[in-house]
């Protein structure tokens, strides 16, 4: 009799254990690339990891530095799940790559051209070397727009060098091995403090959207829930940054090797950069698409709306609950 009474209990316990095990499945491994360790992307990824926003979405996220161009290839081969090189992605998209921008991280671009103190304007820099990034990428595209709109030629009047991320370009500028360089904060803030000349701010020449999350189009179809969870974790990280000045400032001090004063200025800059809700500016991307078309000599019109897929982002916004 006792055996018959206990048997259902054992069965229920066994079934409950199986269900609990299925609910605590191993987290999905996610690789997200960044082409430069700058204020535009790294603080969001770092906060998402350090504060557990990705872990709460059952994601094990690895943020991996991949030089511009390589990051996009990694998306196409499946070696990376997300990329943050959105302008390089535009170039690849115009060339036919099946990439989609799924969420904005920055509303506008944080890039400026700084030069050695003896140079006061772009004309004085003629014939000199300028630190840039990969051809076709955001930094290189904006640098060329500054030069052209100033009535000069990127090819004839300057030596544009593909030098890697912002820290490398700032180090080259500080060592004197180049005359000028494109920089983003916090390194641009440090350059200003160190007496380098601010030649131009890209936003004064062309207003295009900043860093965004990019995926392979097939991933949206095959793993929509994983993509959605990563977007939610990233949005929560962005909201945490807005609400926690001291914590984020200390993270900038630690991760970027900045002093407290520069880190405070960088935090203020970051607040201005952060996208309010992750929505992308189609008009800004249309400018980038048209730049890429001209560079690739493509006559047919290409709509930037085809590049942007906010289906999953819109679902998150409707559902709410992304504040923390």
C-alpha atoms as a PDB file:
ATOM      1  CA  UNK A   1       0.000   0.000   0.000  1.00  0.00           C
ATOM      2  CA  UNK A   2       2.793   2.447   0.950  1.00  0.00           C
ATOM      3  CA  UNK A   3       4.619   1.592  -2.273  1.00  0.00           C
ATOM      4  CA  UNK A   4       1.524   2.374  -4.342  1.00  0.00           C
ATOM      5  CA  UNK A   5       1.068   5.703  -2.501  1.00  0.00           C
ATOM      6  CA  UNK A   6       4.675   6.802  -3.003  1.00  0.00           C
ATOM      7  CA  UNK A   7       4.920   5.845  -6.679  1.00  0.00           C
ATOM      8  CA  UNK A   8       2.965   8.887  -7.975  1.00  0.00           C
ATOM      9  CA  UNK A   9       5.120  11.149  -5.820  1.00  0.00           C
ATOM     10  CA  UNK A  10       8.292   9.692  -7.337  1.00  0.00           C
ATOM     11  CA  UNK A  11       6.891  10.093 -10.847  1.00  0.00           C
ATOM     12  CA  UNK A  12       5.935  13.732 -10.232  1.00  0.00           C
ATOM     13  CA  UNK A  13       9.359  14.464  -8.724  1.00  0.00           C
ATOM     14  CA  UNK A  14      11.069  12.882 -11.718  1.00  0.00           C
ATOM     15  CA  UNK A  15       8.954  14.847 -14.197  1.00  0.00           C
ATOM     16  CA  UNK A  16       9.571  18.086 -12.297  1.00  0.00           C
ATOM     17  CA  UNK A  17      13.332  17.457 -12.367  1.00  0.00           C
ATOM     18  CA  UNK A  18      13.244  16.925 -16.130  1.00  0.00           C
ATOM     19  CA  UNK A  19      11.223  20.109 -16.637  1.00  0.00           C
ATOM     20  CA  UNK A  20      13.554  22.133 -14.411  1.00  0.00           C
ATOM     21  CA  UNK A  21      16.573  20.853 -16.294  1.00  0.00           C
ATOM     22  CA  UNK A  22      15.032  21.890 -19.618  1.00  0.00           C
ATOM     23  CA  UNK A  23      14.288  25.342 -18.259  1.00  0.00           C
ATOM     24  CA  UNK A  24      17.921  25.837 -17.189  1.00  0.00           C
ATOM     25  CA  UNK A  25      19.443  24.940 -20.541  1.00  0.00           C
ATOM     26  CA  UNK A  26      22.946  26.061 -21.400  1.00  0.00           C
ATOM     27  CA  UNK A  27      23.136  29.702 -22.524  1.00  0.00           C
ATOM     28  CA  UNK A  28      23.410  30.473 -26.221  1.00  0.00           C
ATOM     29  CA  UNK A  29      26.937  31.496 -27.179  1.00  0.00           C
ATOM     30  CA  UNK A  30      27.002  34.820 -29.011  1.00  0.00           C
ATOM     31  CA  UNK A  31      29.992  36.490 -30.690  1.00  0.00           C
ATOM     32  CA  UNK A  32      29.721  40.223 -31.326  1.00  0.00           C
ATOM     33  CA  UNK A  33      32.509  42.046 -33.126  1.00  0.00           C
ATOM     34  CA  UNK A  34      33.677  45.625 -32.770  1.00  0.00           C
ATOM     35  CA  UNK A  35      36.151  47.248 -35.210  1.00  0.00           C
ATOM     36  CA  UNK A  36      37.486  49.808 -32.756  1.00  0.00           C
ATOM     37  CA  UNK A  37      37.530  50.083 -28.968  1.00  0.00           C
ATOM     38  CA  UNK A  38      35.693  53.404 -28.732  1.00  0.00           C
ATOM     39  CA  UNK A  39      33.016  55.106 -26.672  1.00  0.00           C
ATOM     40  CA  UNK A  40      30.438  54.373 -29.362  1.00  0.00           C
ATOM     41  CA  UNK A  41      30.161  50.630 -28.847  1.00  0.00           C
ATOM     42  CA  UNK A  42      32.410  49.143 -26.177  1.00  0.00           C
ATOM     43  CA  UNK A  43      30.707  50.646 -23.071  1.00  0.00           C
ATOM     44  CA  UNK A  44      27.363  49.148 -24.133  1.00  0.00           C
ATOM     45  CA  UNK A  45      28.798  45.671 -24.680  1.00  0.00           C
ATOM     46  CA  UNK A  46      30.894  45.856 -21.502  1.00  0.00           C
ATOM     47  CA  UNK A  47      27.927  47.021 -19.397  1.00  0.00           C
ATOM     48  CA  UNK A  48      25.710  44.304 -20.870  1.00  0.00           C
ATOM     49  CA  UNK A  49      28.245  41.672 -19.834  1.00  0.00           C
ATOM     50  CA  UNK A  50      29.431  43.091 -16.514  1.00  0.00           C
ATOM     51  CA  UNK A  51      25.957  43.938 -15.234  1.00  0.00           C
ATOM     52  CA  UNK A  52      24.447  40.638 -16.321  1.00  0.00           C
ATOM     53  CA  UNK A  53      21.920  41.939 -18.846  1.00  0.00           C
ATOM     54  CA  UNK A  54      22.970  39.355 -21.429  1.00  0.00           C
ATOM     55  CA  UNK A  55      23.164  36.582 -18.855  1.00  0.00           C
ATOM     56  CA  UNK A  56      19.565  37.321 -17.835  1.00  0.00           C
ATOM     57  CA  UNK A  57      18.645  36.624 -21.461  1.00  0.00           C
ATOM     58  CA  UNK A  58      20.458  33.248 -21.226  1.00  0.00           C
ATOM     59  CA  UNK A  59      23.227  34.474 -23.507  1.00  0.00           C
ATOM     60  CA  UNK A  60      26.961  33.974 -23.142  1.00  0.00           C
ATOM     61  CA  UNK A  61      28.335  36.962 -25.039  1.00  0.00           C
ATOM     62  CA  UNK A  62      31.919  37.351 -26.236  1.00  0.00           C
ATOM     63  CA  UNK A  63      32.870  40.811 -27.512  1.00  0.00           C
ATOM     64  CA  UNK A  64      35.746  40.323 -29.963  1.00  0.00           C
ATOM     65  CA  UNK A  65      37.896  42.992 -31.619  1.00  0.00           C
ATOM     66  CA  UNK A  66      37.944  42.435 -35.381  1.00  0.00           C
ATOM     67  CA  UNK A  67      39.552  44.986 -37.633  1.00  0.00           C
ATOM     68  CA  UNK A  68      37.174  46.812 -39.985  1.00  0.00           C
ATOM     69  CA  UNK A  69      36.299  44.648 -42.978  1.00  0.00           C
ATOM     70  CA  UNK A  70      37.187  41.420 -41.200  1.00  0.00           C
ATOM     71  CA  UNK A  71      34.208  41.957 -38.894  1.00  0.00           C
ATOM     72  CA  UNK A  72      31.832  42.008 -41.860  1.00  0.00           C
ATOM     73  CA  UNK A  73      33.415  38.892 -43.365  1.00  0.00           C
ATOM     74  CA  UNK A  74      32.894  37.172 -40.014  1.00  0.00           C
ATOM     75  CA  UNK A  75      29.168  37.961 -40.189  1.00  0.00           C
ATOM     76  CA  UNK A  76      28.945  36.516 -43.681  1.00  0.00           C
ATOM     77  CA  UNK A  77      30.817  33.321 -42.748  1.00  0.00           C
ATOM     78  CA  UNK A  78      28.933  32.856 -39.479  1.00  0.00           C
ATOM     79  CA  UNK A  79      32.002  33.333 -37.287  1.00  0.00           C
ATOM     80  CA  UNK A  80      30.276  36.317 -35.646  1.00  0.00           C
ATOM     81  CA  UNK A  81      26.601  36.676 -34.777  1.00  0.00           C
ATOM     82  CA  UNK A  82      26.490  40.469 -34.502  1.00  0.00           C
ATOM     83  CA  UNK A  83      28.685  43.269 -35.764  1.00  0.00           C
ATOM     84  CA  UNK A  84      28.910  46.952 -34.884  1.00  0.00           C
ATOM     85  CA  UNK A  85      30.674  48.174 -38.042  1.00  0.00           C
ATOM     86  CA  UNK A  86      27.470  49.507 -39.546  1.00  0.00           C
ATOM     87  CA  UNK A  87      29.023  51.731 -42.220  1.00  0.00           C
ATOM     88  CA  UNK A  88      31.275  48.959 -43.499  1.00  0.00           C
ATOM     89  CA  UNK A  89      28.112  46.846 -43.546  1.00  0.00           C
ATOM     90  CA  UNK A  90      26.487  49.472 -45.796  1.00  0.00           C
ATOM     91  CA  UNK A  91      29.356  49.130 -48.268  1.00  0.00           C
ATOM     92  CA  UNK A  92      28.972  45.341 -48.272  1.00  0.00           C
ATOM     93  CA  UNK A  93      25.178  45.599 -48.555  1.00  0.00           C
ATOM     94  CA  UNK A  94      25.419  47.831 -51.612  1.00  0.00           C
ATOM     95  CA  UNK A  95      27.766  45.240 -53.122  1.00  0.00           C
ATOM     96  CA  UNK A  96      25.091  42.575 -52.570  1.00  0.00           C
ATOM     97  CA  UNK A  97      25.855  41.129 -49.121  1.00  0.00           C
ATOM     98  CA  UNK A  98      22.742  39.887 -47.225  1.00  0.00           C
ATOM     99  CA  UNK A  99      23.211  42.076 -44.144  1.00  0.00           C
ATOM    100  CA  UNK A 100      20.644  43.895 -42.034  1.00  0.00           C
ATOM    101  CA  UNK A 101      20.871  46.690 -39.469  1.00  0.00           C
ATOM    102  CA  UNK A 102      18.595  45.679 -36.581  1.00  0.00           C
ATOM    103  CA  UNK A 103      19.180  48.343 -33.913  1.00  0.00           C
ATOM    104  CA  UNK A 104      20.845  51.735 -33.520  1.00  0.00           C
ATOM    105  CA  UNK A 105      23.303  52.173 -30.672  1.00  0.00           C
ATOM    106  CA  UNK A 106      24.302  55.774 -31.463  1.00  0.00           C
ATOM    107  CA  UNK A 107      22.119  58.488 -32.950  1.00  0.00           C
ATOM    108  CA  UNK A 108      25.023  60.183 -34.699  1.00  0.00           C
ATOM    109  CA  UNK A 109      28.722  59.747 -35.410  1.00  0.00           C
ATOM    110  CA  UNK A 110      31.376  60.761 -32.897  1.00  0.00           C
ATOM    111  CA  UNK A 111      34.400  61.457 -35.076  1.00  0.00           C
ATOM    112  CA  UNK A 112      36.685  64.477 -35.458  1.00  0.00           C
ATOM    113  CA  UNK A 113      39.945  65.230 -37.234  1.00  0.00           C
ATOM    114  CA  UNK A 114      42.826  66.237 -34.941  1.00  0.00           C
ATOM    115  CA  UNK A 115      46.273  67.419 -36.047  1.00  0.00           C
ATOM    116  CA  UNK A 116      49.668  68.209 -34.602  1.00  0.00           C
ATOM    117  CA  UNK A 117      49.620  71.658 -32.897  1.00  0.00           C
ATOM    118  CA  UNK A 118      51.566  73.346 -35.714  1.00  0.00           C
ATOM    119  CA  UNK A 119      48.723  72.714 -38.163  1.00  0.00           C
ATOM    120  CA  UNK A 120      45.715  75.034 -37.866  1.00  0.00           C
ATOM    121  CA  UNK A 121      43.563  74.002 -40.830  1.00  0.00           C
ATOM    122  CA  UNK A 122      43.158  71.359 -43.523  1.00  0.00           C
ATOM    123  CA  UNK A 123      45.040  73.339 -46.188  1.00  0.00           C
ATOM    124  CA  UNK A 124      48.154  73.358 -44.012  1.00  0.00           C
ATOM    125  CA  UNK A 125      47.938  69.556 -43.878  1.00  0.00           C
ATOM    126  CA  UNK A 126      48.326  69.158 -47.647  1.00  0.00           C
ATOM    127  CA  UNK A 127      50.889  66.491 -48.490  1.00  0.00           C
ATOM    128  CA  UNK A 128      50.822  65.062 -44.966  1.00  0.00           C
ATOM    129  CA  UNK A 129      49.752  61.649 -43.638  1.00  0.00           C
ATOM    130  CA  UNK A 130      46.378  61.274 -41.936  1.00  0.00           C
ATOM    131  CA  UNK A 131      45.396  58.276 -39.830  1.00  0.00           C
ATOM    132  CA  UNK A 132      42.209  56.628 -41.093  1.00  0.00           C
ATOM    133  CA  UNK A 133      40.581  53.209 -40.912  1.00  0.00           C
ATOM    134  CA  UNK A 134      39.587  50.616 -43.514  1.00  0.00           C
ATOM    135  CA  UNK A 135      38.600  51.980 -46.948  1.00  0.00           C
ATOM    136  CA  UNK A 136      34.824  52.076 -47.320  1.00  0.00           C
ATOM    137  CA  UNK A 137      34.296  52.111 -43.564  1.00  0.00           C
ATOM    138  CA  UNK A 138      32.765  54.888 -41.514  1.00  0.00           C
ATOM    139  CA  UNK A 139      35.963  56.704 -40.513  1.00  0.00           C
ATOM    140  CA  UNK A 140      37.431  56.660 -44.019  1.00  0.00           C
ATOM    141  CA  UNK A 141      34.141  57.710 -45.649  1.00  0.00           C
ATOM    142  CA  UNK A 142      33.693  60.690 -43.326  1.00  0.00           C
ATOM    143  CA  UNK A 143      37.315  61.783 -43.635  1.00  0.00           C
ATOM    144  CA  UNK A 144      36.969  61.811 -47.406  1.00  0.00           C
ATOM    145  CA  UNK A 145      33.745  63.850 -47.174  1.00  0.00           C
ATOM    146  CA  UNK A 146      35.536  66.467 -45.033  1.00  0.00           C
ATOM    147  CA  UNK A 147      38.374  66.707 -47.551  1.00  0.00           C
ATOM    148  CA  UNK A 148      36.137  66.893 -50.620  1.00  0.00           C
ATOM    149  CA  UNK A 149      33.774  69.467 -49.097  1.00  0.00           C
ATOM    150  CA  UNK A 150      36.842  71.567 -48.286  1.00  0.00           C
ATOM    151  CA  UNK A 151      37.735  71.675 -51.975  1.00  0.00           C
ATOM    152  CA  UNK A 152      40.637  69.231 -51.745  1.00  0.00           C
ATOM    153  CA  UNK A 153      41.328  65.714 -53.035  1.00  0.00           C
ATOM    154  CA  UNK A 154      41.817  62.695 -50.738  1.00  0.00           C
ATOM    155  CA  UNK A 155      44.027  61.014 -53.349  1.00  0.00           C
ATOM    156  CA  UNK A 156      46.125  63.946 -54.581  1.00  0.00           C
ATOM    157  CA  UNK A 157      46.484  66.144 -51.518  1.00  0.00           C
ATOM    158  CA  UNK A 158      46.959  63.682 -48.633  1.00  0.00           C
ATOM    159  CA  UNK A 159      48.302  60.285 -47.663  1.00  0.00           C
ATOM    160  CA  UNK A 160      45.441  58.421 -45.984  1.00  0.00           C
ATOM    161  CA  UNK A 161      46.679  55.521 -43.857  1.00  0.00           C
ATOM    162  CA  UNK A 162      44.653  52.474 -42.810  1.00  0.00           C
ATOM    163  CA  UNK A 163      45.874  52.294 -39.219  1.00  0.00           C
ATOM    164  CA  UNK A 164      43.384  50.278 -37.170  1.00  0.00           C
ATOM    165  CA  UNK A 165      41.319  51.385 -34.188  1.00  0.00           C
ATOM    166  CA  UNK A 166      41.135  54.695 -32.351  1.00  0.00           C
ATOM    167  CA  UNK A 167      43.751  53.796 -29.685  1.00  0.00           C
ATOM    168  CA  UNK A 168      46.292  52.932 -32.386  1.00  0.00           C
ATOM    169  CA  UNK A 169      45.604  56.111 -34.339  1.00  0.00           C
ATOM    170  CA  UNK A 170      45.838  58.269 -31.212  1.00  0.00           C
ATOM    171  CA  UNK A 171      49.141  56.619 -30.247  1.00  0.00           C
ATOM    172  CA  UNK A 172      50.520  57.351 -33.726  1.00  0.00           C
ATOM    173  CA  UNK A 173      49.391  60.972 -33.492  1.00  0.00           C
ATOM    174  CA  UNK A 174      50.936  61.401 -30.067  1.00  0.00           C
ATOM    175  CA  UNK A 175      54.231  59.845 -31.155  1.00  0.00           C
ATOM    176  CA  UNK A 176      54.423  62.283 -34.076  1.00  0.00           C
ATOM    177  CA  UNK A 177      54.539  59.562 -36.733  1.00  0.00           C
ATOM    178  CA  UNK A 178      51.493  61.050 -38.490  1.00  0.00           C
ATOM    179  CA  UNK A 179      50.390  64.648 -38.962  1.00  0.00           C
ATOM    180  CA  UNK A 180      46.714  64.128 -38.171  1.00  0.00           C
ATOM    181  CA  UNK A 181      44.150  61.478 -37.380  1.00  0.00           C
ATOM    182  CA  UNK A 182      40.445  60.831 -37.104  1.00  0.00           C
ATOM    183  CA  UNK A 183      39.536  60.228 -33.454  1.00  0.00           C
ATOM    184  CA  UNK A 184      36.466  59.451 -31.375  1.00  0.00           C
ATOM    185  CA  UNK A 185      36.009  59.995 -27.652  1.00  0.00           C
ATOM    186  CA  UNK A 186      37.449  59.465 -25.162  1.00  0.00           C
ATOM    187  CA  UNK A 187      40.679  59.694 -27.186  1.00  0.00           C
ATOM    188  CA  UNK A 188      39.509  62.866 -28.956  1.00  0.00           C
ATOM    189  CA  UNK A 189      38.952  64.468 -25.556  1.00  0.00           C
ATOM    190  CA  UNK A 190      42.430  63.454 -24.468  1.00  0.00           C
ATOM    191  CA  UNK A 191      43.894  64.857 -27.708  1.00  0.00           C
ATOM    192  CA  UNK A 192      42.204  68.183 -27.075  1.00  0.00           C
ATOM    193  CA  UNK A 193      43.561  68.293 -23.536  1.00  0.00           C
ATOM    194  CA  UNK A 194      47.053  67.457 -24.844  1.00  0.00           C
ATOM    195  CA  UNK A 195      46.998  70.460 -27.167  1.00  0.00           C
ATOM    196  CA  UNK A 196      46.318  68.880 -30.550  1.00  0.00           C
ATOM    197  CA  UNK A 197      44.343  71.002 -33.015  1.00  0.00           C
ATOM    198  CA  UNK A 198      40.731  70.116 -33.765  1.00  0.00           C
ATOM    199  CA  UNK A 199      40.569  70.585 -37.540  1.00  0.00           C
ATOM    200  CA  UNK A 200      37.032  69.371 -38.242  1.00  0.00           C
ATOM    201  CA  UNK A 201      34.046  67.629 -36.666  1.00  0.00           C
ATOM    202  CA  UNK A 202      32.359  65.239 -39.068  1.00  0.00           C
ATOM    203  CA  UNK A 203      28.843  66.141 -37.955  1.00  0.00           C
ATOM    204  CA  UNK A 204      29.405  69.657 -39.318  1.00  0.00           C
ATOM    205  CA  UNK A 205      29.926  68.172 -42.787  1.00  0.00           C
ATOM    206  CA  UNK A 206      27.505  65.251 -42.965  1.00  0.00           C
ATOM    207  CA  UNK A 207      24.921  63.998 -40.464  1.00  0.00           C
ATOM    208  CA  UNK A 208      24.792  60.217 -40.615  1.00  0.00           C
ATOM    209  CA  UNK A 209      23.813  57.666 -37.951  1.00  0.00           C
ATOM    210  CA  UNK A 210      26.459  56.186 -35.715  1.00  0.00           C
ATOM    211  CA  UNK A 211      27.191  52.657 -34.535  1.00  0.00           C
ATOM    212  CA  UNK A 212      24.467  50.044 -34.955  1.00  0.00           C
ATOM    213  CA  UNK A 213      24.005  46.302 -34.577  1.00  0.00           C
ATOM    214  CA  UNK A 214      24.289  44.344 -37.822  1.00  0.00           C
ATOM    215  CA  UNK A 215      23.368  40.703 -38.527  1.00  0.00           C
ATOM    216  CA  UNK A 216      23.191  38.319 -41.442  1.00  0.00           C
ATOM    217  CA  UNK A 217      19.668  38.389 -42.890  1.00  0.00           C
ATOM    218  CA  UNK A 218      19.336  34.617 -42.424  1.00  0.00           C
ATOM    219  CA  UNK A 219      19.931  34.913 -38.674  1.00  0.00           C
ATOM    220  CA  UNK A 220      16.761  36.975 -38.267  1.00  0.00           C
ATOM    221  CA  UNK A 221      14.825  34.138 -39.883  1.00  0.00           C
ATOM    222  CA  UNK A 222      16.614  31.221 -38.215  1.00  0.00           C
ATOM    223  CA  UNK A 223      17.209  32.594 -34.709  1.00  0.00           C
ATOM    224  CA  UNK A 224      14.708  35.413 -34.134  1.00  0.00           C
ATOM    225  CA  UNK A 225      14.395  34.785 -30.391  1.00  0.00           C
ATOM    226  CA  UNK A 226      18.145  34.833 -29.851  1.00  0.00           C
ATOM    227  CA  UNK A 227      18.441  38.102 -31.805  1.00  0.00           C
ATOM    228  CA  UNK A 228      15.548  39.555 -29.841  1.00  0.00           C
ATOM    229  CA  UNK A 229      17.104  38.607 -26.503  1.00  0.00           C
ATOM    230  CA  UNK A 230      20.411  40.194 -27.493  1.00  0.00           C
ATOM    231  CA  UNK A 231      18.649  43.403 -28.490  1.00  0.00           C
ATOM    232  CA  UNK A 232      16.789  43.455 -25.167  1.00  0.00           C
ATOM    233  CA  UNK A 233      20.011  42.984 -23.197  1.00  0.00           C
ATOM    234  CA  UNK A 234      21.699  45.771 -25.184  1.00  0.00           C
ATOM    235  CA  UNK A 235      18.801  48.194 -24.666  1.00  0.00           C
ATOM    236  CA  UNK A 236      18.847  47.481 -20.935  1.00  0.00           C
ATOM    237  CA  UNK A 237      22.601  48.131 -20.869  1.00  0.00           C
ATOM    238  CA  UNK A 238      22.044  51.462 -22.614  1.00  0.00           C
ATOM    239  CA  UNK A 239      19.393  52.437 -20.064  1.00  0.00           C
ATOM    240  CA  UNK A 240      21.699  51.425 -17.210  1.00  0.00           C
ATOM    241  CA  UNK A 241      24.394  53.720 -18.636  1.00  0.00           C
ATOM    242  CA  UNK A 242      21.934  56.636 -18.707  1.00  0.00           C
ATOM    243  CA  UNK A 243      20.912  56.089 -15.088  1.00  0.00           C
ATOM    244  CA  UNK A 244      24.319  55.332 -13.543  1.00  0.00           C
ATOM    245  CA  UNK A 245      26.832  58.091 -14.146  1.00  0.00           C
ATOM    246  CA  UNK A 246      29.347  57.101 -11.450  1.00  0.00           C
ATOM    247  CA  UNK A 247      29.449  53.434 -12.409  1.00  0.00           C
ATOM    248  CA  UNK A 248      29.837  54.134 -16.122  1.00  0.00           C
ATOM    249  CA  UNK A 249      32.472  56.819 -15.557  1.00  0.00           C
ATOM    250  CA  UNK A 250      34.559  54.391 -13.507  1.00  0.00           C
ATOM    251  CA  UNK A 251      34.198  51.793 -16.237  1.00  0.00           C
ATOM    252  CA  UNK A 252      35.558  54.314 -18.767  1.00  0.00           C
ATOM    253  CA  UNK A 253      38.473  55.087 -16.416  1.00  0.00           C
ATOM    254  CA  UNK A 254      39.250  51.377 -16.080  1.00  0.00           C
ATOM    255  CA  UNK A 255      38.686  50.139 -19.637  1.00  0.00           C
ATOM    256  CA  UNK A 256      40.088  53.116 -21.551  1.00  0.00           C
ATOM    257  CA  UNK A 257      42.856  54.148 -19.168  1.00  0.00           C
ATOM    258  CA  UNK A 258      41.477  57.690 -18.862  1.00  0.00           C
ATOM    259  CA  UNK A 259      41.764  60.021 -15.902  1.00  0.00           C
ATOM    260  CA  UNK A 260      38.646  61.050 -13.993  1.00  0.00           C
ATOM    261  CA  UNK A 261      38.261  64.383 -15.784  1.00  0.00           C
ATOM    262  CA  UNK A 262      38.412  62.921 -19.300  1.00  0.00           C
ATOM    263  CA  UNK A 263      36.191  60.009 -18.287  1.00  0.00           C
ATOM    264  CA  UNK A 264      33.563  62.451 -17.021  1.00  0.00           C
ATOM    265  CA  UNK A 265      33.601  64.329 -20.323  1.00  0.00           C
ATOM    266  CA  UNK A 266      33.440  61.035 -22.213  1.00  0.00           C
ATOM    267  CA  UNK A 267      30.384  59.978 -20.210  1.00  0.00           C
ATOM    268  CA  UNK A 268      28.643  63.230 -21.130  1.00  0.00           C
ATOM    269  CA  UNK A 269      29.506  62.601 -24.771  1.00  0.00           C
ATOM    270  CA  UNK A 270      28.204  59.049 -24.511  1.00  0.00           C
ATOM    271  CA  UNK A 271      24.839  60.268 -23.208  1.00  0.00           C
ATOM    272  CA  UNK A 272      24.492  62.516 -26.256  1.00  0.00           C
ATOM    273  CA  UNK A 273      25.396  59.633 -28.565  1.00  0.00           C
ATOM    274  CA  UNK A 274      23.094  56.944 -27.188  1.00  0.00           C
ATOM    275  CA  UNK A 275      20.056  56.150 -29.303  1.00  0.00           C
ATOM    276  CA  UNK A 276      16.832  56.912 -27.417  1.00  0.00           C
ATOM    277  CA  UNK A 277      15.049  53.681 -28.369  1.00  0.00           C
ATOM    278  CA  UNK A 278      17.264  51.820 -30.832  1.00  0.00           C
ATOM    279  CA  UNK A 279      15.392  53.069 -33.895  1.00  0.00           C
ATOM    280  CA  UNK A 280      17.470  53.793 -36.992  1.00  0.00           C
ATOM    281  CA  UNK A 281      17.411  56.971 -39.096  1.00  0.00           C
ATOM    282  CA  UNK A 282      16.600  55.793 -42.604  1.00  0.00           C
ATOM    283  CA  UNK A 283      17.448  59.177 -44.145  1.00  0.00           C
ATOM    284  CA  UNK A 284      20.941  59.047 -42.637  1.00  0.00           C
ATOM    285  CA  UNK A 285      21.494  55.521 -43.940  1.00  0.00           C
ATOM    286  CA  UNK A 286      20.309  56.610 -47.365  1.00  0.00           C
ATOM    287  CA  UNK A 287      23.221  59.069 -47.438  1.00  0.00           C
ATOM    288  CA  UNK A 288      25.626  56.248 -46.592  1.00  0.00           C
ATOM    289  CA  UNK A 289      24.066  53.982 -49.225  1.00  0.00           C
ATOM    290  CA  UNK A 290      24.413  56.722 -51.837  1.00  0.00           C
ATOM    291  CA  UNK A 291      28.060  57.305 -50.829  1.00  0.00           C
ATOM    292  CA  UNK A 292      28.729  53.584 -51.278  1.00  0.00           C
ATOM    293  CA  UNK A 293      26.916  53.504 -54.624  1.00  0.00           C
ATOM    294  CA  UNK A 294      29.054  56.364 -55.914  1.00  0.00           C
ATOM    295  CA  UNK A 295      32.260  54.698 -54.706  1.00  0.00           C
ATOM    296  CA  UNK A 296      31.294  51.413 -56.341  1.00  0.00           C
ATOM    297  CA  UNK A 297      30.012  53.149 -59.499  1.00  0.00           C
ATOM    298  CA  UNK A 298      26.524  51.657 -59.196  1.00  0.00           C
ATOM    299  CA  UNK A 299      23.951  53.677 -61.130  1.00  0.00           C
ATOM    300  CA  UNK A 300      20.760  51.908 -60.084  1.00  0.00           C
ATOM    301  CA  UNK A 301      18.997  53.313 -56.997  1.00  0.00           C
ATOM    302  CA  UNK A 302      19.206  51.304 -53.791  1.00  0.00           C
ATOM    303  CA  UNK A 303      16.840  51.988 -50.909  1.00  0.00           C
ATOM    304  CA  UNK A 304      18.296  52.087 -47.407  1.00  0.00           C
ATOM    305  CA  UNK A 305      14.953  50.758 -46.148  1.00  0.00           C
ATOM    306  CA  UNK A 306      15.997  47.369 -47.557  1.00  0.00           C
ATOM    307  CA  UNK A 307      19.046  47.397 -45.279  1.00  0.00           C
ATOM    308  CA  UNK A 308      17.118  48.119 -42.078  1.00  0.00           C
ATOM    309  CA  UNK A 309      15.032  45.425 -40.393  1.00  0.00           C
ATOM    310  CA  UNK A 310      13.418  46.607 -37.149  1.00  0.00           C
ATOM    311  CA  UNK A 311      10.782  43.856 -36.916  1.00  0.00           C
ATOM    312  CA  UNK A 312      12.196  42.351 -33.723  1.00  0.00           C
ATOM    313  CA  UNK A 313      13.029  45.757 -32.236  1.00  0.00           C
ATOM    314  CA  UNK A 314       9.446  46.896 -32.794  1.00  0.00           C
ATOM    315  CA  UNK A 315       8.223  43.773 -30.987  1.00  0.00           C
ATOM    316  CA  UNK A 316      10.416  44.611 -27.997  1.00  0.00           C
ATOM    317  CA  UNK A 317       9.163  48.185 -27.887  1.00  0.00           C
ATOM    318  CA  UNK A 318       5.541  47.048 -27.999  1.00  0.00           C
ATOM    319  CA  UNK A 319       6.131  44.494 -25.254  1.00  0.00           C
ATOM    320  CA  UNK A 320       7.902  47.022 -23.003  1.00  0.00           C
ATOM    321  CA  UNK A 321       9.988  45.887 -20.045  1.00  0.00           C
ATOM    322  CA  UNK A 322      13.339  46.973 -21.487  1.00  0.00           C
ATOM    323  CA  UNK A 323      14.094  49.665 -18.937  1.00  0.00           C
ATOM    324  CA  UNK A 324      15.965  47.256 -16.598  1.00  0.00           C
END
